[in-house]
Amino acid sequence: MPSITNEKMRQLVNKYEQNVIEIRRDIHMHPELSFQEKRTSELVASKLEELGIEVRSGIGKTGVIGILKGSRPGKTLALRADMDALPLDEENDLPFKSVNAGVMHACGHDCHTANLLGVAMILSEIKNELCGTIKFIFQPAEENGGGGREMVKEGALKNPDVDAIFGLHVKQMPLGTIEVGHGNIMAYSDRFILRVKGKQAHTSNPQQGVDSIVISANIITALQSIISRQIDPLETATFSVGQINGGTAPNIVPDLVEMVGMIRSMSKNTREIIKNNIEKIAKSVAEGMSGECEFIFKEGYPAVFNNKEMADYVKELAIERCQDIKDDLDLQLPPEFDLKELVRITDKPSLGAEDFGFYSLEVPACFFYVGAGNQAPVHSPKFMVDERMFKVSLNLLSSVAVKFLNQNSITI
């Protein structure tokens, strides 16, 4: 197959960049919460249909899948973007500020969705130069609800079967930078509930009751030994009790306290150790103080695992594009600056969570970051991106797709 030159890819990015920015601003102005992305999914489906891409809607409730076939047989590659917004009131003064009270795109999902539509535009234009098939996965509910779980459950990686998947996320980093690593790059994230049961009594006769608040205080203290004594010091993990609710009046010994917490860990084994010890210690402490404790585990997102071969596609192409990135963004860098430093190869995992992990459990995957400027951080009501980042994100994700597919063509 003929190769797609760097220069041709830059021309295509320039051709579609403004269109992508306009789509992003439209989505930003009309944010929708998890599993409520009706307008967004309709916009996505409409844009894909305009490109002549096969569209499947209603996957994972409000998800959309587009399928584009190249001119020759080959592997199937998936590219994923998330579409949902956050329950925040936007504080930015923008002409495209959110018009939906209490809802805002404060994590860049508007950018991810618009970017993937832009990649679809680019790859549609060069489909005769591609081998294999591309699945564009527009996923709902990354923020709250595990839309990735629902998409996988409803066959997003099947028919045709996906051989690999890539996704990206904007990040508060200098414009032009790219970050990628391999192995577990983000954590398992799970929720737990402890319901501590005692016996109600009047505080004038505390001996007649069993104080669930006192029991809960002792449980929280005892749980702190798990990380320091049950987990390998070289492992990365944490957990916290973030909510406590109990008691009805200051003169009543309470009979019920509910505590809610989060567990974050980088390995399945560590996750199980923490989970099992929270249950064992909490029940033991409660029983030792004449109470009871119910433990409820709410499985959340799996760790995001970057396959090394897939991560190398991103790393190598990003390094190849460093000069283009500098020129396209007109970066003012000191003469001694090594352009390869625009590509950050990280071996430090994040304890943040992302439901891209549901895809990386199933097929070789890579999730990477694109610098969107050092402005307000994600999940902030002042979150903002420098839209020049699309020069990088459109080019890199499109180039990764082309390289993967054309290096894995099938001879017939």
Protein backbone atom coordinates (compact mmCIF):
# COMPACT_ATOMS: atom_id res chain seq x y z
CA MET A 1 0.00 0.00 0.00
CA PRO A 2 1.28 3.53 -0.65
CA SER A 3 2.40 5.28 2.50
CA ILE A 4 0.76 8.42 3.86
CA THR A 5 3.53 11.00 4.19
CA ASN A 6 3.88 13.33 7.15
CA GLU A 7 3.23 16.26 4.85
CA LYS A 8 0.01 14.77 3.49
CA MET A 9 -1.22 14.10 7.02
CA ARG A 10 -0.45 17.69 8.02
CA GLN A 11 -2.43 18.95 5.03
CA LEU A 12 -5.40 16.81 6.03
CA VAL A 13 -5.22 18.04 9.62
CA ASN A 14 -5.17 21.64 8.41
CA LYS A 15 -8.14 20.91 6.13
CA TYR A 16 -10.37 19.61 8.93
CA GLU A 17 -9.04 21.41 12.01
CA GLN A 18 -11.51 24.31 11.97
CA ASN A 19 -14.43 21.95 11.42
CA VAL A 20 -13.31 19.96 14.46
CA ILE A 21 -13.06 23.12 16.57
CA GLU A 22 -16.59 24.11 15.59
CA ILE A 23 -17.92 20.66 16.51
CA ARG A 24 -16.08 20.79 19.82
CA ARG A 25 -17.62 24.17 20.67
CA ASP A 26 -21.09 22.92 19.76
CA ILE A 27 -20.69 19.89 22.05
CA HIS A 28 -19.16 22.07 24.77
CA MET A 29 -22.15 24.39 24.67
CA HIS A 30 -24.60 21.49 24.96
CA PRO A 31 -23.09 19.10 27.56
CA GLU A 32 -24.96 16.01 28.69
CA LEU A 33 -24.48 13.78 31.72
CA SER A 34 -23.70 10.05 31.70
CA PHE A 35 -26.17 7.95 29.70
CA GLN A 36 -28.04 11.13 28.75
CA GLU A 37 -25.88 11.99 25.70
CA LYS A 38 -28.84 11.97 23.29
CA ARG A 39 -28.04 15.18 21.40
CA THR A 40 -24.33 14.38 21.30
CA SER A 41 -24.85 10.86 19.98
CA GLU A 42 -27.27 12.16 17.32
CA LEU A 43 -24.69 14.73 16.23
CA VAL A 44 -21.99 12.03 16.07
CA ALA A 45 -24.17 9.65 14.06
CA SER A 46 -25.13 12.44 11.64
CA LYS A 47 -21.50 13.43 11.03
CA LEU A 48 -20.46 9.82 10.46
CA GLU A 49 -23.34 9.25 8.02
CA GLU A 50 -22.29 12.36 6.07
CA LEU A 51 -18.91 10.67 5.60
CA GLY A 52 -20.53 7.50 4.28
CA ILE A 53 -19.48 5.53 7.36
CA GLU A 54 -21.67 2.66 8.54
CA VAL A 55 -23.33 3.72 11.81
CA ARG A 56 -24.62 1.61 14.70
CA SER A 57 -26.47 3.60 17.36
CA GLY A 58 -27.89 2.78 20.78
CA ILE A 59 -24.92 0.66 21.82
CA GLY A 60 -24.48 0.82 25.61
CA LYS A 61 -27.65 2.95 25.73
CA THR A 62 -26.39 6.13 24.04
CA GLY A 63 -23.16 4.94 22.42
CA VAL A 64 -22.40 5.16 18.70
CA ILE A 65 -20.09 3.02 16.57
CA GLY A 66 -18.88 3.93 13.10
CA ILE A 67 -17.29 1.34 10.79
CA LEU A 68 -14.96 2.31 7.95
CA LYS A 69 -13.43 -0.27 5.64
CA GLY A 70 -10.19 0.20 3.78
CA SER A 71 -9.58 -0.94 0.21
CA ARG A 72 -7.77 -4.15 1.18
CA PRO A 73 -8.25 -6.80 3.88
CA GLY A 74 -6.42 -6.43 7.14
CA LYS A 75 -6.89 -6.17 10.87
CA THR A 76 -9.61 -4.28 12.71
CA LEU A 77 -8.57 -1.30 14.80
CA ALA A 78 -10.82 0.53 17.26
CA LEU A 79 -10.44 4.17 18.24
CA ARG A 80 -12.41 5.33 21.27
CA ALA A 81 -13.71 8.67 22.56
CA ASP A 82 -15.97 9.40 25.55
CA MET A 83 -18.90 11.82 25.25
CA ASP A 84 -20.32 12.62 28.71
CA ALA A 85 -19.97 15.77 30.81
CA LEU A 86 -19.84 16.54 34.54
CA PRO A 87 -22.38 17.97 37.02
CA LEU A 88 -20.70 21.38 37.34
CA ASP A 89 -21.67 24.99 36.68
CA GLU A 90 -19.20 26.42 34.17
CA GLU A 91 -17.39 29.59 35.30
CA ASN A 92 -15.64 30.38 32.01
CA ASP A 93 -16.75 33.44 30.06
CA LEU A 94 -16.89 31.93 26.58
CA PRO A 95 -19.15 32.52 23.58
CA PHE A 96 -19.73 28.74 23.62
CA LYS A 97 -20.19 28.44 27.40
CA SER A 98 -22.49 25.64 28.56
CA VAL A 99 -26.17 26.51 28.17
CA ASN A 100 -27.22 23.58 30.38
CA ALA A 101 -27.32 24.69 34.00
CA GLY A 102 -25.30 22.47 36.30
CA VAL A 103 -23.64 20.54 33.46
CA MET A 104 -20.21 21.22 31.95
CA HIS A 105 -17.55 19.56 29.84
CA ALA A 106 -14.83 19.87 32.46
CA CYS A 107 -12.80 16.79 31.53
CA GLY A 108 -12.25 17.32 27.81
CA HIS A 109 -14.73 14.77 26.51
CA ASP A 110 -16.03 17.40 24.09
CA CYS A 111 -12.49 17.52 22.68
CA HIS A 112 -12.20 13.73 22.55
CA THR A 113 -15.48 13.37 20.65
CA ALA A 114 -14.72 16.17 18.18
CA ASN A 115 -11.20 14.85 17.69
CA LEU A 116 -12.40 11.35 16.85
CA LEU A 117 -14.89 12.79 14.36
CA GLY A 118 -11.98 14.69 12.81
CA VAL A 119 -9.96 11.47 12.60
CA ALA A 120 -12.97 9.86 10.88
CA MET A 121 -12.96 12.70 8.33
CA ILE A 122 -9.25 12.26 7.66
CA LEU A 123 -9.34 8.47 7.39
CA SER A 124 -12.46 8.55 5.21
CA GLU A 125 -10.60 10.73 2.72
CA ILE A 126 -7.72 8.25 2.49
CA LYS A 127 -9.69 5.00 2.90
CA ASN A 128 -8.50 3.75 -0.49
CA GLU A 129 -4.97 3.84 0.93
CA LEU A 130 -5.87 1.81 4.02
CA CYS A 131 -5.91 -1.90 4.79
CA GLY A 132 -8.40 -3.44 7.19
CA THR A 133 -11.24 -1.88 9.14
CA ILE A 134 -11.58 0.97 11.62
CA LYS A 135 -14.21 1.07 14.36
CA PHE A 136 -14.87 4.52 15.78
CA ILE A 137 -16.28 3.97 19.27
CA PHE A 138 -18.11 6.95 20.78
CA GLN A 139 -18.80 5.89 24.34
CA PRO A 140 -21.23 7.25 26.93
CA ALA A 141 -20.82 7.51 30.69
CA GLU A 142 -17.09 7.38 31.38
CA GLU A 143 -17.51 9.72 34.32
CA ASN A 144 -20.31 7.96 36.16
CA GLY A 145 -21.69 4.64 35.11
CA GLY A 146 -19.03 2.60 33.38
CA GLY A 147 -20.10 3.19 29.79
CA GLY A 148 -17.05 1.24 28.67
CA ARG A 149 -18.37 -1.82 30.50
CA GLU A 150 -21.73 -1.46 28.74
CA MET A 151 -20.14 -0.98 25.30
CA VAL A 152 -17.99 -4.11 25.68
CA LYS A 153 -20.95 -6.08 27.05
CA GLU A 154 -23.05 -5.10 24.03
CA GLY A 155 -20.41 -6.16 21.52
CA ALA A 156 -18.45 -3.00 20.70
CA LEU A 157 -15.33 -5.11 20.20
CA LYS A 158 -17.14 -7.76 18.09
CA ASN A 159 -18.54 -8.02 14.57
CA PRO A 160 -15.91 -7.50 13.32
CA ASP A 161 -13.59 -8.57 16.13
CA VAL A 162 -11.21 -5.81 17.17
CA ASP A 163 -7.48 -6.59 17.15
CA ALA A 164 -6.33 -3.48 19.05
CA ILE A 165 -7.68 -0.22 20.43
CA PHE A 166 -6.31 3.28 21.03
CA GLY A 167 -7.70 6.19 23.00
CA LEU A 168 -6.42 9.56 24.14
CA HIS A 169 -7.14 12.14 26.81
CA VAL A 170 -6.35 15.83 27.03
CA LYS A 171 -4.12 16.70 29.98
CA GLN A 172 -2.94 19.78 31.81
CA MET A 173 0.51 19.76 30.21
CA PRO A 174 2.33 22.23 27.97
CA LEU A 175 0.90 22.51 24.48
CA GLY A 176 2.68 20.12 22.11
CA THR A 177 3.59 17.50 24.70
CA ILE A 178 2.53 13.86 24.51
CA GLU A 179 2.66 11.35 27.36
CA VAL A 180 2.65 7.59 26.98
CA GLY A 181 3.72 4.59 29.02
CA HIS A 182 3.20 0.84 29.09
CA GLY A 183 1.94 -1.61 31.68
CA ASN A 184 -0.72 -0.57 34.18
CA ILE A 185 -0.91 3.21 33.76
CA MET A 186 -4.10 3.82 35.74
CA ALA A 187 -5.60 2.12 38.76
CA TYR A 188 -8.37 -0.27 39.65
CA SER A 189 -10.99 1.90 41.33
CA ASP A 190 -13.64 0.32 43.55
CA ARG A 191 -16.15 1.48 46.13
CA PHE A 192 -17.02 -0.18 49.43
CA ILE A 193 -19.75 0.35 52.01
CA LEU A 194 -19.56 -0.57 55.70
CA ARG A 195 -22.84 -0.68 57.62
CA VAL A 196 -22.10 -0.79 61.32
CA LYS A 197 -25.01 -1.97 63.44
CA GLY A 198 -25.30 -1.39 67.18
CA LYS A 199 -28.15 -0.93 69.64
CA GLN A 200 -29.96 2.31 70.29
CA ALA A 201 -30.18 3.74 73.80
CA HIS A 202 -30.53 7.06 75.59
CA THR A 203 -27.20 8.71 76.40
CA SER A 204 -28.19 8.80 80.07
CA ASN A 205 -27.98 4.98 79.99
CA PRO A 206 -25.22 4.21 77.45
CA GLN A 207 -24.64 0.78 79.01
CA GLN A 208 -27.98 -0.31 77.58
CA GLY A 209 -26.87 0.33 74.03
CA VAL A 210 -24.11 -0.50 71.55
CA ASP A 211 -22.62 2.68 70.09
CA SER A 212 -22.19 2.29 66.35
CA ILE A 213 -20.25 5.57 66.12
CA VAL A 214 -17.62 4.37 68.60
CA ILE A 215 -17.37 1.07 66.74
CA SER A 216 -16.97 2.94 63.43
CA ALA A 217 -14.20 5.11 64.86
CA ASN A 218 -12.31 2.01 65.95
CA ILE A 219 -12.83 0.36 62.56
CA ILE A 220 -11.39 3.37 60.72
CA THR A 221 -8.34 3.39 62.98
CA ALA A 222 -7.79 -0.37 62.61
CA LEU A 223 -8.09 -0.23 58.82
CA GLN A 224 -5.04 2.01 58.58
CA SER A 225 -2.79 -0.99 59.23
CA ILE A 226 -3.74 -2.58 55.90
CA ILE A 227 -1.56 -0.38 53.70
CA SER A 228 1.37 -0.27 56.15
CA ARG A 229 1.36 -3.94 57.16
CA GLN A 230 -0.52 -6.02 54.58
CA ILE A 231 0.70 -4.49 51.30
CA ASP A 232 4.17 -4.82 49.77
CA PRO A 233 5.86 -1.42 50.26
CA LEU A 234 6.82 -1.44 46.56
CA GLU A 235 3.18 -1.76 45.48
CA THR A 236 1.09 1.32 44.71
CA ALA A 237 -2.27 1.42 46.47
CA THR A 238 -4.48 3.52 48.69
CA PHE A 239 -7.95 3.56 50.15
CA SER A 240 -10.00 6.11 52.05
CA VAL A 241 -13.25 6.36 53.95
CA GLY A 242 -14.78 9.46 52.43
CA GLN A 243 -18.30 9.46 53.87
CA ILE A 244 -19.71 8.70 57.32
CA ASN A 245 -23.38 8.98 58.16
CA GLY A 246 -24.93 8.04 61.47
CA GLY A 247 -26.94 9.21 64.44
CA THR A 248 -30.27 10.97 64.68
CA ALA A 249 -29.96 13.14 67.81
CA PRO A 250 -27.24 14.26 70.23
CA ASN A 251 -28.85 12.43 73.17
CA ILE A 252 -29.28 9.06 71.45
CA VAL A 253 -26.69 6.29 71.24
CA PRO A 254 -26.96 5.48 67.50
CA ASP A 255 -27.66 2.00 66.26
CA LEU A 256 -26.49 2.46 62.67
CA VAL A 257 -23.56 4.11 60.89
CA GLU A 258 -22.83 3.83 57.18
CA MET A 259 -19.34 4.49 55.84
CA VAL A 260 -18.44 4.70 52.16
CA GLY A 261 -14.92 4.56 50.79
CA MET A 262 -12.77 4.02 47.70
CA ILE A 263 -9.99 1.53 47.01
CA ARG A 264 -7.37 2.31 44.37
CA SER A 265 -4.70 -0.21 43.42
CA MET A 266 -2.47 -1.10 40.51
CA SER A 267 -2.69 -4.89 40.65
CA LYS A 268 -5.51 -7.39 40.99
CA ASN A 269 -3.72 -9.16 43.85
CA THR A 270 -3.33 -5.96 45.87
CA ARG A 271 -6.96 -5.11 45.19
CA GLU A 272 -8.04 -8.47 46.66
CA ILE A 273 -5.79 -8.10 49.72
CA ILE A 274 -7.25 -4.68 50.55
CA LYS A 275 -10.81 -5.78 49.89
CA ASN A 276 -10.55 -8.94 52.00
CA ASN A 277 -8.80 -7.20 54.89
CA ILE A 278 -11.29 -4.33 55.05
CA GLU A 279 -14.07 -6.87 55.42
CA LYS A 280 -12.22 -9.05 57.93
CA ILE A 281 -11.03 -6.19 60.16
CA ALA A 282 -14.33 -4.30 60.09
CA LYS A 283 -16.37 -7.34 61.04
CA SER A 284 -13.87 -8.40 63.70
CA VAL A 285 -13.78 -4.98 65.37
CA ALA A 286 -17.57 -4.70 65.32
CA GLU A 287 -18.09 -8.16 66.79
CA GLY A 288 -15.45 -7.48 69.47
CA MET A 289 -17.48 -4.44 70.54
CA SER A 290 -20.85 -6.30 70.58
CA GLY A 291 -21.96 -4.95 67.22
CA GLU A 292 -22.17 -6.14 63.64
CA CYS A 293 -20.76 -4.89 60.36
CA GLU A 294 -22.02 -5.55 56.86
CA PHE A 295 -19.45 -5.19 54.05
CA ILE A 296 -20.59 -4.37 50.51
CA PHE A 297 -18.06 -4.24 47.65
CA LYS A 298 -18.98 -2.27 44.51
CA GLU A 299 -16.65 -3.27 41.69
CA GLY A 300 -15.62 -0.21 39.72
CA TYR A 301 -13.19 0.32 36.86
CA PRO A 302 -10.34 -2.08 36.07
CA ALA A 303 -6.80 -0.82 35.68
CA VAL A 304 -5.86 0.61 32.29
CA PHE A 305 -3.17 -1.65 30.84
CA ASN A 306 -1.07 -0.35 27.94
CA ASN A 307 0.31 -3.09 25.75
CA LYS A 308 3.98 -2.33 25.05
CA GLU A 309 3.74 -2.91 21.30
CA MET A 310 0.74 -0.58 21.05
CA ALA A 311 2.43 2.04 23.24
CA ASP A 312 5.48 1.88 20.98
CA TYR A 313 3.33 2.81 17.96
CA VAL A 314 2.39 6.02 19.76
CA LYS A 315 5.86 6.71 21.12
CA GLU A 316 7.69 6.20 17.82
CA LEU A 317 5.22 8.24 15.77
CA ALA A 318 5.18 11.03 18.35
CA ILE A 319 8.98 11.24 18.26
CA GLU A 320 8.91 11.28 14.45
CA ARG A 321 6.42 14.18 14.56
CA CYS A 322 8.33 16.37 17.06
CA GLN A 323 9.65 18.81 14.46
CA ASP A 324 6.22 19.04 12.84
CA ILE A 325 4.65 19.71 16.24
CA LYS A 326 7.11 22.51 16.93
CA ASP A 327 6.51 24.07 13.51
CA ASP A 328 2.72 23.62 13.44
CA LEU A 329 2.27 25.15 16.90
CA ASP A 330 5.05 27.71 16.44
CA LEU A 331 6.52 26.66 19.76
CA GLN A 332 9.14 29.08 21.04
CA LEU A 333 11.71 26.75 22.53
CA PRO A 334 15.30 27.45 23.60
CA PRO A 335 17.97 26.40 21.03
CA GLU A 336 19.34 23.71 23.34
CA PHE A 337 15.92 22.07 23.81
CA ASP A 338 15.84 18.46 22.59
CA LEU A 339 12.58 18.12 20.65
CA LYS A 340 12.28 14.50 21.76
CA GLU A 341 11.49 15.87 25.22
CA LEU A 342 8.06 16.80 23.87
CA VAL A 343 7.33 13.09 24.20
CA ARG A 344 7.15 12.04 27.83
CA ILE A 345 7.74 8.33 28.38
CA THR A 346 6.32 7.67 31.82
CA ASP A 347 6.77 4.64 34.06
CA LYS A 348 4.91 6.24 36.95
CA PRO A 349 1.31 5.00 37.10
CA SER A 350 -1.58 7.20 38.14
CA LEU A 351 -4.04 6.24 40.85
CA GLY A 352 -6.72 7.94 38.80
CA ALA A 353 -9.29 5.73 37.08
CA GLU A 354 -10.61 5.49 33.51
CA ASP A 355 -13.09 3.01 32.11
CA PHE A 356 -10.89 2.54 29.05
CA GLY A 357 -9.69 -0.32 31.28
CA PHE A 358 -12.69 -2.39 30.17
CA TYR A 359 -11.30 -2.37 26.62
CA SER A 360 -7.70 -3.05 27.70
CA LEU A 361 -8.93 -6.18 29.51
CA GLU A 362 -10.11 -7.57 26.17
CA VAL A 363 -7.63 -6.54 23.45
CA PRO A 364 -4.16 -4.98 23.12
CA ALA A 365 -4.61 -1.31 23.95
CA CYS A 366 -2.90 2.02 24.40
CA PHE A 367 -4.24 5.09 26.18
CA PHE A 368 -2.14 8.25 25.91
CA TYR A 369 -2.26 11.95 26.76
CA VAL A 370 -2.02 15.11 24.69
CA GLY A 371 -1.04 18.41 26.29
CA ALA A 372 -3.86 20.96 26.16
CA GLY A 373 -2.06 23.79 27.96
CA ASN A 374 -1.36 24.64 31.57
CA GLN A 375 -4.74 26.08 32.43
CA ALA A 376 -7.31 25.03 35.05
CA PRO A 377 -7.21 21.29 35.82
CA VAL A 378 -9.83 18.74 34.82
CA HIS A 379 -13.04 18.59 36.89
CA SER A 380 -12.73 22.30 37.61
CA PRO A 381 -15.52 24.79 36.71
CA LYS A 382 -12.80 26.84 35.00
CA PHE A 383 -11.39 23.96 32.96
CA MET A 384 -10.32 25.09 29.50
CA VAL A 385 -8.17 23.77 26.67
CA ASP A 386 -5.98 25.46 24.09
CA GLU A 387 -7.67 24.36 20.88
CA ARG A 388 -4.38 24.37 19.01
CA MET A 389 -3.90 20.94 20.62
CA PHE A 390 -6.03 19.51 17.78
CA LYS A 391 -3.06 19.89 15.44
CA VAL A 392 -1.32 17.27 17.58
CA SER A 393 -4.24 15.00 18.53
CA LEU A 394 -5.69 14.76 15.00
CA ASN A 395 -2.32 14.05 13.43
CA LEU A 396 -1.13 11.52 16.00
CA LEU A 397 -4.30 9.42 16.32
CA SER A 398 -4.79 9.36 12.53
CA SER A 399 -1.15 8.43 11.96
CA VAL A 400 -1.29 5.66 14.57
CA ALA A 401 -4.32 4.19 12.80
CA VAL A 402 -2.67 4.31 9.39
CA LYS A 403 0.56 2.75 10.64
CA PHE A 404 -1.14 -0.04 12.56
CA LEU A 405 -3.47 -1.01 9.72
CA ASN A 406 -0.98 -0.80 6.87
CA GLN A 407 1.70 -2.68 8.79
CA ASN A 408 -0.80 -5.46 9.47
CA SER A 409 -2.27 -5.88 5.99
CA ILE A 410 -3.32 -9.33 4.83
CA THR A 411 -2.02 -10.67 1.50
CA ILE A 412 -4.58 -12.55 -0.58
